[in-house]
Protein backbone atom coordinates (compact mmCIF):
# COMPACT_ATOMS: atom_id res chain seq x y z
CA MET A 1 -245.37 143.62 -107.89
CA PRO A 2 -247.96 141.83 -110.03
CA LEU A 3 -249.92 138.77 -108.93
CA GLY A 4 -248.23 135.67 -110.32
CA ALA A 5 -244.71 137.11 -109.90
CA THR A 6 -241.99 134.82 -108.56
CA GLN A 7 -240.29 135.03 -105.18
CA GLU A 8 -237.04 135.86 -106.98
CA SER A 9 -238.58 138.84 -108.79
CA LEU A 10 -240.02 140.13 -105.50
CA LEU A 11 -236.60 139.98 -103.84
CA GLU A 12 -234.96 141.67 -106.84
CA LYS A 13 -237.36 144.59 -106.52
CA LEU A 14 -237.50 144.60 -102.69
CA PRO A 15 -234.19 143.14 -101.45
CA GLU A 16 -234.91 144.28 -97.88
CA PHE A 17 -237.76 141.73 -97.65
CA SER A 18 -237.22 138.38 -95.91
CA CYS A 19 -238.77 135.08 -96.99
CA ASP A 20 -239.44 131.89 -95.05
CA ALA A 21 -241.21 128.60 -95.60
CA ILE A 22 -244.69 128.58 -94.09
CA ILE A 23 -244.66 126.90 -90.67
CA ASP A 24 -246.70 123.82 -89.83
CA GLY A 25 -250.33 124.62 -89.19
CA PHE A 26 -250.45 127.54 -91.60
CA GLU A 27 -249.91 125.72 -94.92
CA ASP A 28 -253.30 126.91 -96.17
CA LEU A 29 -251.81 130.43 -96.47
CA GLY A 30 -249.15 129.34 -98.97
CA ASP A 31 -245.79 127.63 -99.36
CA VAL A 32 -243.59 130.70 -98.79
CA TYR A 33 -244.17 133.90 -96.82
CA CYS A 34 -242.18 137.08 -97.53
CA HIS A 35 -242.43 140.26 -95.49
CA GLY A 36 -240.98 143.70 -95.07
CA THR A 37 -241.57 147.40 -94.73
CA SER A 38 -242.04 149.51 -97.82
CA SER A 39 -244.07 152.44 -99.12
CA TYR A 40 -247.60 151.95 -100.47
CA ALA A 41 -249.64 154.85 -101.88
CA GLY A 42 -247.14 157.21 -100.26
CA VAL A 43 -247.41 155.83 -96.71
CA GLU A 44 -245.09 153.56 -94.73
CA ALA A 45 -246.53 150.08 -94.71
CA PHE A 46 -245.73 146.50 -93.76
CA ALA A 47 -246.35 143.91 -96.47
CA SER A 48 -247.01 140.19 -96.02
CA VAL A 49 -246.69 138.32 -99.32
CA TYR A 50 -247.81 134.71 -99.86
CA PHE A 51 -246.72 132.34 -102.63
CA TYR A 52 -248.12 129.02 -103.85
CA SER A 53 -245.76 127.09 -106.14
CA ASN A 54 -243.49 130.17 -106.48
CA SER A 55 -246.38 132.29 -107.76
CA LEU A 56 -247.37 135.43 -105.82
CA GLY A 57 -250.99 134.84 -104.87
CA SER A 58 -251.79 137.20 -102.03
CA VAL A 59 -250.51 140.39 -100.42
CA ARG A 60 -251.62 142.00 -97.17
CA ILE A 61 -250.42 145.54 -96.64
CA THR A 62 -250.94 147.08 -93.21
CA PHE A 63 -250.50 150.72 -92.26
CA ASP A 64 -251.57 153.25 -89.65
CA SER A 65 -255.35 153.75 -89.76
CA ASP A 66 -254.79 157.54 -89.67
CA GLU A 67 -253.57 157.10 -93.28
CA PHE A 68 -256.73 155.24 -94.41
CA ASP A 69 -258.39 158.17 -96.21
CA ASP A 70 -255.23 159.00 -98.21
CA VAL A 71 -254.69 155.38 -99.30
CA ASN A 72 -258.39 154.93 -100.09
CA ARG A 73 -258.36 158.09 -102.26
CA ALA A 74 -255.23 156.86 -104.08
CA LEU A 75 -256.93 153.52 -104.82
CA MET A 76 -260.06 155.26 -106.10
CA LYS A 77 -257.94 157.52 -108.30
CA LYS A 78 -256.15 154.49 -109.78
CA TYR A 79 -259.05 151.99 -110.01
CA GLY A 80 -262.20 154.14 -110.00
CA GLN A 81 -265.18 153.56 -107.76
CA PRO A 82 -265.09 150.27 -105.84
CA THR A 83 -267.21 147.34 -106.97
CA THR A 84 -268.64 147.13 -103.44
CA ALA A 85 -268.50 149.48 -100.46
CA GLU A 86 -269.54 148.35 -96.99
CA THR A 87 -269.81 150.14 -93.68
CA THR A 88 -270.07 148.22 -90.41
CA VAL A 89 -270.08 149.30 -86.78
CA LEU A 90 -267.51 147.63 -84.56
CA GLY A 91 -267.32 147.74 -80.79
CA ASN A 92 -264.71 147.03 -78.17
CA ALA A 93 -264.91 145.60 -74.65
CA MET A 94 -265.28 149.11 -73.20
CA GLY A 95 -268.39 149.75 -75.29
CA ALA A 96 -266.78 152.21 -77.72
CA LYS A 97 -268.12 152.07 -81.29
CA PHE A 98 -266.09 152.50 -84.47
CA VAL A 99 -267.28 152.73 -88.08
CA ASN A 100 -265.32 150.37 -90.32
CA GLU A 101 -265.20 150.92 -94.06
CA THR A 102 -264.39 148.19 -96.58
CA ASN A 103 -264.07 148.94 -100.28
CA THR A 104 -263.50 146.11 -102.76
CA TRP A 105 -262.49 146.23 -106.40
CA LYS A 106 -263.06 143.07 -108.43
CA ARG A 107 -260.34 142.90 -111.03
CA LYS A 108 -259.47 140.55 -113.84
CA GLY A 109 -257.98 137.51 -112.12
CA GLY A 110 -258.53 138.70 -108.56
CA LYS A 111 -259.67 141.36 -106.15
CA LEU A 112 -258.35 144.20 -104.02
CA SER A 113 -259.91 145.36 -100.74
CA ILE A 114 -259.12 148.13 -98.30
CA ASN A 115 -260.30 147.92 -94.67
CA LYS A 116 -260.23 150.90 -92.33
CA PHE A 117 -259.69 148.61 -89.34
CA ALA A 118 -257.68 145.42 -89.67
CA GLY A 119 -257.77 143.59 -86.35
CA GLU A 120 -257.26 146.73 -84.28
CA ILE A 121 -258.40 150.34 -84.59
CA SER A 122 -254.87 151.65 -85.13
CA GLU A 123 -254.26 149.51 -88.23
CA SER A 124 -255.74 149.54 -91.74
CA SER A 125 -255.09 147.02 -94.49
CA VAL A 126 -255.12 146.49 -98.22
CA ASP A 127 -255.62 142.87 -99.28
CA ILE A 128 -254.86 141.78 -102.83
CA SER A 129 -255.41 138.22 -104.01
CA SER A 130 -255.65 136.30 -107.24
CA THR A 131 -258.64 134.13 -108.06
CA ASP A 132 -256.29 131.11 -108.27
CA TYR A 133 -254.89 131.88 -104.82
CA SER A 134 -258.37 132.18 -103.32
CA ALA A 135 -259.37 128.80 -104.79
CA GLU A 136 -256.17 127.11 -103.56
CA TYR A 137 -256.56 128.70 -100.12
CA ALA A 138 -260.14 127.40 -99.84
CA LYS A 139 -259.04 123.92 -100.92
CA ARG A 140 -256.16 123.82 -98.41
CA LYS A 141 -258.29 125.28 -95.62
CA LYS A 142 -260.98 122.63 -96.16
CA ARG A 143 -258.37 119.87 -96.15
CA SER A 144 -256.81 121.29 -92.97
CA ILE A 145 -260.16 121.43 -91.18
CA ASN A 146 -260.97 117.86 -92.26
CA GLU A 147 -257.58 116.61 -91.02
CA LYS A 148 -257.93 118.39 -87.68
CA GLY A 149 -261.48 117.12 -87.26
CA GLY A 150 -260.20 113.55 -87.25
CA ASP A 151 -258.93 113.89 -83.67
CA LEU A 152 -262.31 114.85 -82.18
């Protein structure tokens, strides 16, 4: 599903997805949130899709971190070497260390990133966003912070 697609075209292609208005407090993410399970690069994945003004702006795809290498290879095969590649060491409360990998491809009108660990060590993610979405998100986030700061 290309960035800029409409909610209707998403549901035509993926009728098993559900869509809801964004709840209060999370408006910076978009106006509508759609979600569902599908296949991505040959692995089962959960997709969270965000729309501003009925234009698909951002997708977060999460999948089992055991599948990271296969999805990363598929992305490299399709898009070539990433624009940036980062490795960071993460730790948990028990002192265990984990090496996180993040590869990012800058693309015309947006970017795509894959993260080995996305919030927990059992989950990886692919994040795709348009430049317009990123600018709108930043604008809404700033407004939200300014509004919340008024009650301090």
